[in-house]
Amino acid sequence: MLDRLRQFRGAVTSDDIASRTRALVVRDNEFGFDPFGMSREHLGTAMTVARFLYRHYFRAEAFGIENLPSQGRVVIVSNHSGQLPFDALVIGSACFLEPPQPRLVRAMVEFFVPTIPFASYLFARWGQITGTPENCRRLLAADEAVLVFPEGARGISKPFSKRYQLAEFGTGFMRLALEARAPIVPVAVIGAEEQAPAVNLERLAKLLGLPALPLVPYPPFVAPLPLPVKYRVYFGEPMMFTGDPDDDDDVLADKVKTVRHRIQGMIHQGLAGRKHVFW
């Protein structure tokens, strides 16, 4: 694994998808698949599309990417918004495209996604996995980078009037980080809140078994296409916590609040430095 890292260290300073995909430190077999179903070939195809969205549609900028460990287990914790998870795509693209050593970020996919035709197959091939505690444990035990949105569906379905106001965080990510003794990298995403201003049809969403059903004032009205907002992604310094992962939620609440307050502060700083939503 270290030999592979050294081999490609000088070849991943550009956006070349092929060299960055080869340089990923993942445990794939002779058939090209890792234990979680990821395929470098499929990932390369997906990242070609993601690179276009990241570089040209959202014109994303990443700040503090050096705070992302180049290897080893890590829990990336971010605010969540925008109706559809383009924020996850942008964070993953930043971790793949920006550092000298690219990292594959494993986003915890919502439970309903695998019920969508072909979604379960494709997400697995792209390295993403259903967000269960056991899956997250397996990933961290394999020294992977796991992306978590502790706001969950509350984040993507918040009204436009509450943009950039963090919903309450769950405690699951903290339990997993403590259990795995993994650092937490806080991330603040600026831009996603404005990509699809919508009204969430909560009752209809529940009838359909969806976490949210946004309605936007422009075609196609539902399953909204994002506006070409400019993304800014801020990576904070890693945070390390100690304690018993089996403690009650009340005991873990202070640790969770520390992470939440750090991200909220990073959001305020990012908004203060932003000149315009679209540039």
C-alpha atoms as a PDB file:
ATOM      1  CA  MET A   1       0.000   0.000   0.000  1.00  0.00           C
ATOM      2  CA  LEU A   2       2.858   2.376   0.832  1.00  0.00           C
ATOM      3  CA  ASP A   3       4.555   1.460  -2.441  1.00  0.00           C
ATOM      4  CA  ARG A   4       1.435   2.470  -4.335  1.00  0.00           C
ATOM      5  CA  LEU A   5       1.319   5.755  -2.426  1.00  0.00           C
ATOM      6  CA  ARG A   6       4.941   6.517  -3.304  1.00  0.00           C
ATOM      7  CA  GLN A   7       4.451   5.470  -6.931  1.00  0.00           C
ATOM      8  CA  PHE A   8       1.743   8.017  -7.606  1.00  0.00           C
ATOM      9  CA  ARG A   9       2.755  10.771  -5.192  1.00  0.00           C
ATOM     10  CA  GLY A  10       4.273  12.838  -7.990  1.00  0.00           C
ATOM     11  CA  ALA A  11       1.522  12.088 -10.501  1.00  0.00           C
ATOM     12  CA  VAL A  12      -1.566  13.424  -8.766  1.00  0.00           C
ATOM     13  CA  THR A  13      -0.958  17.152  -8.707  1.00  0.00           C
ATOM     14  CA  SER A  14      -3.503  17.712 -11.504  1.00  0.00           C
ATOM     15  CA  ASP A  15      -7.148  16.835 -12.127  1.00  0.00           C
ATOM     16  CA  ASP A  16      -6.258  13.687 -14.054  1.00  0.00           C
ATOM     17  CA  ILE A  17      -8.977  11.279 -12.950  1.00  0.00           C
ATOM     18  CA  ALA A  18      -7.179   8.126 -14.075  1.00  0.00           C
ATOM     19  CA  SER A  19      -4.016   8.789 -12.054  1.00  0.00           C
ATOM     20  CA  ARG A  20      -5.952   9.932  -9.008  1.00  0.00           C
ATOM     21  CA  THR A  21      -8.162   6.853  -9.134  1.00  0.00           C
ATOM     22  CA  ARG A  22      -5.107   4.598  -9.333  1.00  0.00           C
ATOM     23  CA  ALA A  23      -3.488   6.460  -6.440  1.00  0.00           C
ATOM     24  CA  LEU A  24      -6.363   5.807  -4.055  1.00  0.00           C
ATOM     25  CA  VAL A  25      -5.310   3.667  -1.112  1.00  0.00           C
ATOM     26  CA  VAL A  26      -8.081   1.048  -1.118  1.00  0.00           C
ATOM     27  CA  ARG A  27      -8.009  -2.698  -0.597  1.00  0.00           C
ATOM     28  CA  ASP A  28      -9.330  -3.966  -3.932  1.00  0.00           C
ATOM     29  CA  ASN A  29      -8.968  -7.546  -5.168  1.00  0.00           C
ATOM     30  CA  GLU A  30      -7.796  -9.023  -8.461  1.00  0.00           C
ATOM     31  CA  PHE A  31     -11.220  -8.342  -9.965  1.00  0.00           C
ATOM     32  CA  GLY A  32     -10.999  -4.621  -9.190  1.00  0.00           C
ATOM     33  CA  PHE A  33     -13.499  -4.493  -6.307  1.00  0.00           C
ATOM     34  CA  ASP A  34     -12.922  -3.589  -2.692  1.00  0.00           C
ATOM     35  CA  PRO A  35     -14.724  -5.321   0.241  1.00  0.00           C
ATOM     36  CA  PHE A  36     -17.558  -2.776   0.050  1.00  0.00           C
ATOM     37  CA  GLY A  37     -18.222  -3.214  -3.678  1.00  0.00           C
ATOM     38  CA  MET A  38     -16.320  -0.173  -4.945  1.00  0.00           C
ATOM     39  CA  SER A  39     -14.828  -0.409  -8.442  1.00  0.00           C
ATOM     40  CA  ARG A  40     -12.049   1.941  -9.549  1.00  0.00           C
ATOM     41  CA  GLU A  41     -13.430   1.848 -13.087  1.00  0.00           C
ATOM     42  CA  HIS A  42     -16.934   2.864 -12.018  1.00  0.00           C
ATOM     43  CA  LEU A  43     -15.554   5.439  -9.605  1.00  0.00           C
ATOM     44  CA  GLY A  44     -13.433   6.997 -12.348  1.00  0.00           C
ATOM     45  CA  THR A  45     -16.506   7.432 -14.540  1.00  0.00           C
ATOM     46  CA  ALA A  46     -18.485   8.982 -11.690  1.00  0.00           C
ATOM     47  CA  MET A  47     -15.630  11.319 -10.754  1.00  0.00           C
ATOM     48  CA  THR A  48     -15.375  12.578 -14.334  1.00  0.00           C
ATOM     49  CA  VAL A  49     -18.954  13.850 -14.027  1.00  0.00           C
ATOM     50  CA  ALA A  50     -18.360  15.048 -10.462  1.00  0.00           C
ATOM     51  CA  ARG A  51     -15.266  16.979 -11.542  1.00  0.00           C
ATOM     52  CA  PHE A  52     -17.308  18.904 -14.127  1.00  0.00           C
ATOM     53  CA  LEU A  53     -19.925  19.824 -11.537  1.00  0.00           C
ATOM     54  CA  TYR A  54     -17.278  20.695  -8.957  1.00  0.00           C
ATOM     55  CA  ARG A  55     -14.992  22.759 -11.202  1.00  0.00           C
ATOM     56  CA  HIS A  56     -17.369  24.316 -13.728  1.00  0.00           C
ATOM     57  CA  TYR A  57     -20.985  24.224 -12.547  1.00  0.00           C
ATOM     58  CA  PHE A  58     -20.559  25.005  -8.850  1.00  0.00           C
ATOM     59  CA  ARG A  59     -17.056  26.496  -9.313  1.00  0.00           C
ATOM     60  CA  ALA A  60     -16.211  25.148  -5.889  1.00  0.00           C
ATOM     61  CA  GLU A  61     -13.359  26.291  -3.688  1.00  0.00           C
ATOM     62  CA  ALA A  62     -11.951  24.205  -0.850  1.00  0.00           C
ATOM     63  CA  PHE A  63     -10.236  25.844   2.120  1.00  0.00           C
ATOM     64  CA  GLY A  64      -8.187  24.019   4.732  1.00  0.00           C
ATOM     65  CA  ILE A  65      -7.962  20.782   2.751  1.00  0.00           C
ATOM     66  CA  GLU A  66      -4.617  20.199   4.471  1.00  0.00           C
ATOM     67  CA  ASN A  67      -6.624  19.452   7.626  1.00  0.00           C
ATOM     68  CA  LEU A  68      -7.864  16.231   6.019  1.00  0.00           C
ATOM     69  CA  PRO A  69      -5.563  13.357   7.058  1.00  0.00           C
ATOM     70  CA  SER A  70      -3.939  11.808   3.979  1.00  0.00           C
ATOM     71  CA  GLN A  71      -4.592   8.317   5.328  1.00  0.00           C
ATOM     72  CA  GLY A  72      -6.119   6.540   8.296  1.00  0.00           C
ATOM     73  CA  ARG A  73      -9.621   6.493   9.706  1.00  0.00           C
ATOM     74  CA  VAL A  74     -11.454   9.789   9.990  1.00  0.00           C
ATOM     75  CA  VAL A  75     -15.043  10.955  10.471  1.00  0.00           C
ATOM     76  CA  ILE A  76     -15.929  14.005   8.371  1.00  0.00           C
ATOM     77  CA  VAL A  77     -18.884  15.881   9.883  1.00  0.00           C
ATOM     78  CA  SER A  78     -20.683  18.570   7.887  1.00  0.00           C
ATOM     79  CA  ASN A  79     -23.787  20.710   7.751  1.00  0.00           C
ATOM     80  CA  HIS A  80     -26.417  19.398   5.338  1.00  0.00           C
ATOM     81  CA  SER A  81     -28.738  21.302   3.020  1.00  0.00           C
ATOM     82  CA  GLY A  82     -29.944  21.820  -0.519  1.00  0.00           C
ATOM     83  CA  GLN A  83     -32.805  19.324  -0.922  1.00  0.00           C
ATOM     84  CA  LEU A  84     -30.604  16.916  -2.926  1.00  0.00           C
ATOM     85  CA  PRO A  85     -27.152  15.830  -1.661  1.00  0.00           C
ATOM     86  CA  PHE A  86     -24.941  17.835  -3.998  1.00  0.00           C
ATOM     87  CA  ASP A  87     -23.131  18.985  -0.854  1.00  0.00           C
ATOM     88  CA  ALA A  88     -21.921  15.393  -0.386  1.00  0.00           C
ATOM     89  CA  LEU A  89     -20.776  15.317  -4.012  1.00  0.00           C
ATOM     90  CA  VAL A  90     -18.821  18.557  -3.577  1.00  0.00           C
ATOM     91  CA  ILE A  91     -17.174  17.442  -0.329  1.00  0.00           C
ATOM     92  CA  GLY A  92     -16.227  14.102  -1.871  1.00  0.00           C
ATOM     93  CA  SER A  93     -14.885  15.819  -4.986  1.00  0.00           C
ATOM     94  CA  ALA A  94     -12.770  18.197  -2.891  1.00  0.00           C
ATOM     95  CA  CYS A  95     -11.220  15.275  -1.009  1.00  0.00           C
ATOM     96  CA  PHE A  96     -10.523  13.453  -4.271  1.00  0.00           C
ATOM     97  CA  LEU A  97      -9.321  16.371  -6.428  1.00  0.00           C
ATOM     98  CA  GLU A  98      -7.595  18.854  -4.129  1.00  0.00           C
ATOM     99  CA  PRO A  99      -5.014  17.113  -1.880  1.00  0.00           C
ATOM    100  CA  PRO A 100      -1.747  15.659  -3.246  1.00  0.00           C
ATOM    101  CA  GLN A 101      -2.918  12.242  -2.009  1.00  0.00           C
ATOM    102  CA  PRO A 102      -6.548  11.772  -3.103  1.00  0.00           C
ATOM    103  CA  ARG A 103      -8.987  10.251  -0.624  1.00  0.00           C
ATOM    104  CA  LEU A 104     -12.173   8.345  -1.289  1.00  0.00           C
ATOM    105  CA  VAL A 105     -14.889   9.626   1.016  1.00  0.00           C
ATOM    106  CA  ARG A 106     -17.590   7.140   1.981  1.00  0.00           C
ATOM    107  CA  ALA A 107     -20.877   8.995   2.408  1.00  0.00           C
ATOM    108  CA  MET A 108     -23.536   7.396   4.586  1.00  0.00           C
ATOM    109  CA  VAL A 109     -26.445   7.002   2.137  1.00  0.00           C
ATOM    110  CA  GLU A 110     -30.058   7.370   3.316  1.00  0.00           C
ATOM    111  CA  PHE A 111     -31.953   4.113   3.810  1.00  0.00           C
ATOM    112  CA  PHE A 112     -34.489   4.808   1.052  1.00  0.00           C
ATOM    113  CA  VAL A 113     -31.831   5.237  -1.675  1.00  0.00           C
ATOM    114  CA  PRO A 114     -31.190   1.492  -2.234  1.00  0.00           C
ATOM    115  CA  THR A 115     -34.899   1.081  -3.025  1.00  0.00           C
ATOM    116  CA  ILE A 116     -34.471   3.252  -6.138  1.00  0.00           C
ATOM    117  CA  PRO A 117     -33.818   1.147  -9.280  1.00  0.00           C
ATOM    118  CA  PHE A 118     -30.068   0.784 -10.007  1.00  0.00           C
ATOM    119  CA  ALA A 119     -29.175   3.122  -7.112  1.00  0.00           C
ATOM    120  CA  SER A 120     -28.001   0.352  -4.801  1.00  0.00           C
ATOM    121  CA  TYR A 121     -25.709  -1.080  -7.489  1.00  0.00           C
ATOM    122  CA  LEU A 122     -24.268   2.253  -8.607  1.00  0.00           C
ATOM    123  CA  PHE A 123     -23.720   3.745  -5.158  1.00  0.00           C
ATOM    124  CA  ALA A 124     -21.820   0.632  -4.101  1.00  0.00           C
ATOM    125  CA  ARG A 125     -19.632   0.798  -7.228  1.00  0.00           C
ATOM    126  CA  TRP A 126     -18.933   4.476  -6.482  1.00  0.00           C
ATOM    127  CA  GLY A 127     -17.811   3.606  -2.965  1.00  0.00           C
ATOM    128  CA  GLN A 128     -20.886   4.785  -1.063  1.00  0.00           C
ATOM    129  CA  ILE A 129     -22.745   2.655   1.466  1.00  0.00           C
ATOM    130  CA  THR A 130     -26.027   2.590   3.379  1.00  0.00           C
ATOM    131  CA  GLY A 131     -25.703   4.573   6.598  1.00  0.00           C
ATOM    132  CA  THR A 132     -25.949   1.919   9.302  1.00  0.00           C
ATOM    133  CA  PRO A 133     -23.751   1.907  12.423  1.00  0.00           C
ATOM    134  CA  GLU A 134     -22.346  -1.494  11.484  1.00  0.00           C
ATOM    135  CA  ASN A 135     -21.334  -0.321   8.003  1.00  0.00           C
ATOM    136  CA  CYS A 136     -19.663   2.723   9.515  1.00  0.00           C
ATOM    137  CA  ARG A 137     -17.782   0.542  12.005  1.00  0.00           C
ATOM    138  CA  ARG A 138     -16.500  -1.648   9.188  1.00  0.00           C
ATOM    139  CA  LEU A 139     -15.337   1.358   7.199  1.00  0.00           C
ATOM    140  CA  LEU A 140     -13.525   2.956  10.124  1.00  0.00           C
ATOM    141  CA  ALA A 141     -11.927  -0.370  11.032  1.00  0.00           C
ATOM    142  CA  ALA A 142     -10.579  -0.407   7.460  1.00  0.00           C
ATOM    143  CA  ASP A 143      -9.103   3.098   7.967  1.00  0.00           C
ATOM    144  CA  GLU A 144     -11.565   4.756   5.590  1.00  0.00           C
ATOM    145  CA  ALA A 145     -12.833   8.353   5.524  1.00  0.00           C
ATOM    146  CA  VAL A 146     -16.527   8.451   6.437  1.00  0.00           C
ATOM    147  CA  LEU A 147     -18.766  11.445   5.699  1.00  0.00           C
ATOM    148  CA  VAL A 148     -21.637  12.014   8.125  1.00  0.00           C
ATOM    149  CA  PHE A 149     -24.422  14.614   8.157  1.00  0.00           C
ATOM    150  CA  PRO A 150     -25.696  14.576  11.773  1.00  0.00           C
ATOM    151  CA  GLU A 151     -28.654  16.794  10.864  1.00  0.00           C
ATOM    152  CA  GLY A 152     -29.978  14.019   8.626  1.00  0.00           C
ATOM    153  CA  ALA A 153     -33.198  14.752   6.742  1.00  0.00           C
ATOM    154  CA  ARG A 154     -33.790  17.721   9.048  1.00  0.00           C
ATOM    155  CA  GLY A 155     -30.934  19.479   7.277  1.00  0.00           C
ATOM    156  CA  ILE A 156     -32.060  19.045   3.690  1.00  0.00           C
ATOM    157  CA  SER A 157     -35.714  19.798   4.462  1.00  0.00           C
ATOM    158  CA  LYS A 158     -35.268  22.984   6.511  1.00  0.00           C
ATOM    159  CA  PRO A 159     -37.159  26.045   5.195  1.00  0.00           C
ATOM    160  CA  PHE A 160     -35.260  28.720   3.285  1.00  0.00           C
ATOM    161  CA  SER A 161     -35.849  31.163   6.134  1.00  0.00           C
ATOM    162  CA  LYS A 162     -33.647  28.972   8.370  1.00  0.00           C
ATOM    163  CA  ARG A 163     -30.758  28.582   5.952  1.00  0.00           C
ATOM    164  CA  TYR A 164     -27.354  28.147   7.596  1.00  0.00           C
ATOM    165  CA  GLN A 165     -29.003  27.561  10.968  1.00  0.00           C
ATOM    166  CA  LEU A 166     -27.922  24.099  12.051  1.00  0.00           C
ATOM    167  CA  ALA A 167     -30.594  21.655  13.144  1.00  0.00           C
ATOM    168  CA  GLU A 168     -29.890  19.466  16.144  1.00  0.00           C
ATOM    169  CA  PHE A 169     -27.161  16.869  15.711  1.00  0.00           C
ATOM    170  CA  GLY A 170     -27.674  13.215  16.477  1.00  0.00           C
ATOM    171  CA  THR A 171     -25.148  11.479  18.731  1.00  0.00           C
ATOM    172  CA  GLY A 172     -24.440   8.464  16.529  1.00  0.00           C
ATOM    173  CA  PHE A 173     -21.367   9.941  14.839  1.00  0.00           C
ATOM    174  CA  MET A 174     -19.781  10.699  18.217  1.00  0.00           C
ATOM    175  CA  ARG A 175     -20.334   7.168  19.483  1.00  0.00           C
ATOM    176  CA  LEU A 176     -18.701   5.741  16.362  1.00  0.00           C
ATOM    177  CA  ALA A 177     -15.760   8.159  16.523  1.00  0.00           C
ATOM    178  CA  LEU A 178     -15.143   7.312  20.183  1.00  0.00           C
ATOM    179  CA  GLU A 179     -15.416   3.586  19.526  1.00  0.00           C
ATOM    180  CA  ALA A 180     -12.995   3.724  16.587  1.00  0.00           C
ATOM    181  CA  ARG A 181     -10.763   6.345  18.205  1.00  0.00           C
ATOM    182  CA  ALA A 182     -11.078   8.328  15.008  1.00  0.00           C
ATOM    183  CA  PRO A 183     -10.512  12.079  14.625  1.00  0.00           C
ATOM    184  CA  ILE A 184     -13.437  14.234  13.560  1.00  0.00           C
ATOM    185  CA  VAL A 185     -12.852  16.784  10.798  1.00  0.00           C
ATOM    186  CA  PRO A 186     -15.550  19.500  10.914  1.00  0.00           C
ATOM    187  CA  VAL A 187     -16.680  20.835   7.545  1.00  0.00           C
ATOM    188  CA  ALA A 188     -18.766  23.916   6.702  1.00  0.00           C
ATOM    189  CA  VAL A 189     -20.454  24.085   3.293  1.00  0.00           C
ATOM    190  CA  ILE A 190     -21.462  27.493   1.963  1.00  0.00           C
ATOM    191  CA  GLY A 191     -23.678  27.669  -1.119  1.00  0.00           C
ATOM    192  CA  ALA A 192     -25.881  24.600  -0.877  1.00  0.00           C
ATOM    193  CA  GLU A 193     -28.624  26.407   1.047  1.00  0.00           C
ATOM    194  CA  GLU A 194     -29.351  28.573  -2.001  1.00  0.00           C
ATOM    195  CA  GLN A 195     -29.053  25.885  -4.680  1.00  0.00           C
ATOM    196  CA  ALA A 196     -32.744  24.899  -4.515  1.00  0.00           C
ATOM    197  CA  PRO A 197     -34.972  27.156  -2.380  1.00  0.00           C
ATOM    198  CA  ALA A 198     -38.048  25.031  -1.792  1.00  0.00           C
ATOM    199  CA  VAL A 199     -41.131  24.260   0.230  1.00  0.00           C
ATOM    200  CA  ASN A 200     -41.066  20.778   1.701  1.00  0.00           C
ATOM    201  CA  LEU A 201     -44.283  18.771   1.259  1.00  0.00           C
ATOM    202  CA  GLU A 202     -43.870  16.855   4.505  1.00  0.00           C
ATOM    203  CA  ARG A 203     -47.176  14.965   4.582  1.00  0.00           C
ATOM    204  CA  LEU A 204     -46.875  13.773   1.001  1.00  0.00           C
ATOM    205  CA  ALA A 205     -43.264  12.794   1.621  1.00  0.00           C
ATOM    206  CA  LYS A 206     -44.329  10.604   4.547  1.00  0.00           C
ATOM    207  CA  LEU A 207     -47.011   8.928   2.422  1.00  0.00           C
ATOM    208  CA  LEU A 208     -44.376   8.125  -0.201  1.00  0.00           C
ATOM    209  CA  GLY A 209     -41.847   6.958   2.376  1.00  0.00           C
ATOM    210  CA  LEU A 210     -39.388   9.740   1.556  1.00  0.00           C
ATOM    211  CA  PRO A 211     -37.414  11.864   4.038  1.00  0.00           C
ATOM    212  CA  ALA A 212     -38.424  15.014   2.156  1.00  0.00           C
ATOM    213  CA  LEU A 213     -40.324  16.093  -0.965  1.00  0.00           C
ATOM    214  CA  PRO A 214     -39.224  19.602  -1.957  1.00  0.00           C
ATOM    215  CA  LEU A 215     -41.251  21.792  -4.309  1.00  0.00           C
ATOM    216  CA  VAL A 216     -39.345  24.591  -6.059  1.00  0.00           C
ATOM    217  CA  PRO A 217     -40.781  27.539  -8.031  1.00  0.00           C
ATOM    218  CA  TYR A 218     -39.164  26.484 -11.331  1.00  0.00           C
ATOM    219  CA  PRO A 219     -39.285  23.374 -13.576  1.00  0.00           C
ATOM    220  CA  PRO A 220     -39.288  20.484 -12.914  1.00  0.00           C
ATOM    221  CA  PHE A 221     -40.754  21.743  -9.603  1.00  0.00           C
ATOM    222  CA  VAL A 222     -39.967  18.480  -7.755  1.00  0.00           C
ATOM    223  CA  ALA A 223     -36.608  16.651  -7.568  1.00  0.00           C
ATOM    224  CA  PRO A 224     -35.107  20.102  -8.120  1.00  0.00           C
ATOM    225  CA  LEU A 225     -32.159  20.752 -10.370  1.00  0.00           C
ATOM    226  CA  PRO A 226     -29.645  22.858  -8.439  1.00  0.00           C
ATOM    227  CA  LEU A 227     -29.029  26.468  -9.352  1.00  0.00           C
ATOM    228  CA  PRO A 228     -25.402  27.239 -10.366  1.00  0.00           C
ATOM    229  CA  VAL A 229     -24.459  28.678  -6.987  1.00  0.00           C
ATOM    230  CA  LYS A 230     -20.817  28.972  -5.999  1.00  0.00           C
ATOM    231  CA  TYR A 231     -19.748  26.446  -3.394  1.00  0.00           C
ATOM    232  CA  ARG A 232     -17.184  27.169  -0.695  1.00  0.00           C
ATOM    233  CA  VAL A 233     -16.116  24.267   1.505  1.00  0.00           C
ATOM    234  CA  TYR A 234     -14.152  24.834   4.707  1.00  0.00           C
ATOM    235  CA  PHE A 235     -12.259  21.978   6.385  1.00  0.00           C
ATOM    236  CA  GLY A 236     -11.489  22.596  10.043  1.00  0.00           C
ATOM    237  CA  GLU A 237      -8.685  21.181  12.141  1.00  0.00           C
ATOM    238  CA  PRO A 238      -9.250  17.599  13.325  1.00  0.00           C
ATOM    239  CA  MET A 239     -10.953  17.215  16.699  1.00  0.00           C
ATOM    240  CA  MET A 240     -10.122  14.263  18.954  1.00  0.00           C
ATOM    241  CA  PHE A 241     -12.449  13.126  21.715  1.00  0.00           C
ATOM    242  CA  THR A 242     -12.100  10.535  24.460  1.00  0.00           C
ATOM    243  CA  GLY A 243     -14.726   8.749  26.481  1.00  0.00           C
ATOM    244  CA  ASP A 244     -17.021   5.733  26.609  1.00  0.00           C
ATOM    245  CA  PRO A 245     -19.021   5.263  23.374  1.00  0.00           C
ATOM    246  CA  ASP A 246     -21.754   3.519  25.389  1.00  0.00           C
ATOM    247  CA  ASP A 247     -22.463   6.537  27.587  1.00  0.00           C
ATOM    248  CA  ASP A 248     -26.000   7.942  27.662  1.00  0.00           C
ATOM    249  CA  ASP A 249     -26.919  10.611  25.137  1.00  0.00           C
ATOM    250  CA  ASP A 250     -26.889  13.218  27.907  1.00  0.00           C
ATOM    251  CA  VAL A 251     -23.236  12.460  28.610  1.00  0.00           C
ATOM    252  CA  LEU A 252     -22.275  12.678  24.937  1.00  0.00           C
ATOM    253  CA  ALA A 253     -24.314  15.832  24.347  1.00  0.00           C
ATOM    254  CA  ASP A 254     -21.517  18.226  25.355  1.00  0.00           C
ATOM    255  CA  LYS A 255     -19.079  16.607  22.915  1.00  0.00           C
ATOM    256  CA  VAL A 256     -21.659  16.745  20.129  1.00  0.00           C
ATOM    257  CA  LYS A 257     -22.391  20.404  20.919  1.00  0.00           C
ATOM    258  CA  THR A 258     -18.669  21.182  20.686  1.00  0.00           C
ATOM    259  CA  VAL A 259     -18.581  19.856  17.111  1.00  0.00           C
ATOM    260  CA  ARG A 260     -21.857  21.576  16.223  1.00  0.00           C
ATOM    261  CA  HIS A 261     -20.661  24.927  17.578  1.00  0.00           C
ATOM    262  CA  ARG A 262     -17.376  24.587  15.689  1.00  0.00           C
ATOM    263  CA  ILE A 263     -19.213  24.019  12.404  1.00  0.00           C
ATOM    264  CA  GLN A 264     -21.674  26.837  13.094  1.00  0.00           C
ATOM    265  CA  GLY A 265     -18.759  29.191  13.750  1.00  0.00           C
ATOM    266  CA  MET A 266     -17.087  28.117  10.501  1.00  0.00           C
ATOM    267  CA  ILE A 267     -20.368  28.766   8.675  1.00  0.00           C
ATOM    268  CA  HIS A 268     -20.559  32.298  10.097  1.00  0.00           C
ATOM    269  CA  GLN A 269     -16.977  32.986   9.028  1.00  0.00           C
ATOM    270  CA  GLY A 270     -17.634  31.620   5.556  1.00  0.00           C
ATOM    271  CA  LEU A 271     -20.764  33.715   5.121  1.00  0.00           C
ATOM    272  CA  ALA A 272     -18.928  36.829   6.318  1.00  0.00           C
ATOM    273  CA  GLY A 273     -16.287  36.324   3.632  1.00  0.00           C
ATOM    274  CA  ARG A 274     -18.733  35.607   0.818  1.00  0.00           C
ATOM    275  CA  LYS A 275     -19.393  38.437  -1.620  1.00  0.00           C
ATOM    276  CA  HIS A 276     -22.210  36.866  -3.653  1.00  0.00           C
ATOM    277  CA  VAL A 277     -24.217  33.650  -3.884  1.00  0.00           C
ATOM    278  CA  PHE A 278     -23.253  33.016  -7.523  1.00  0.00           C
ATOM    279  CA  TRP A 279     -19.644  34.177  -7.619  1.00  0.00           C
END
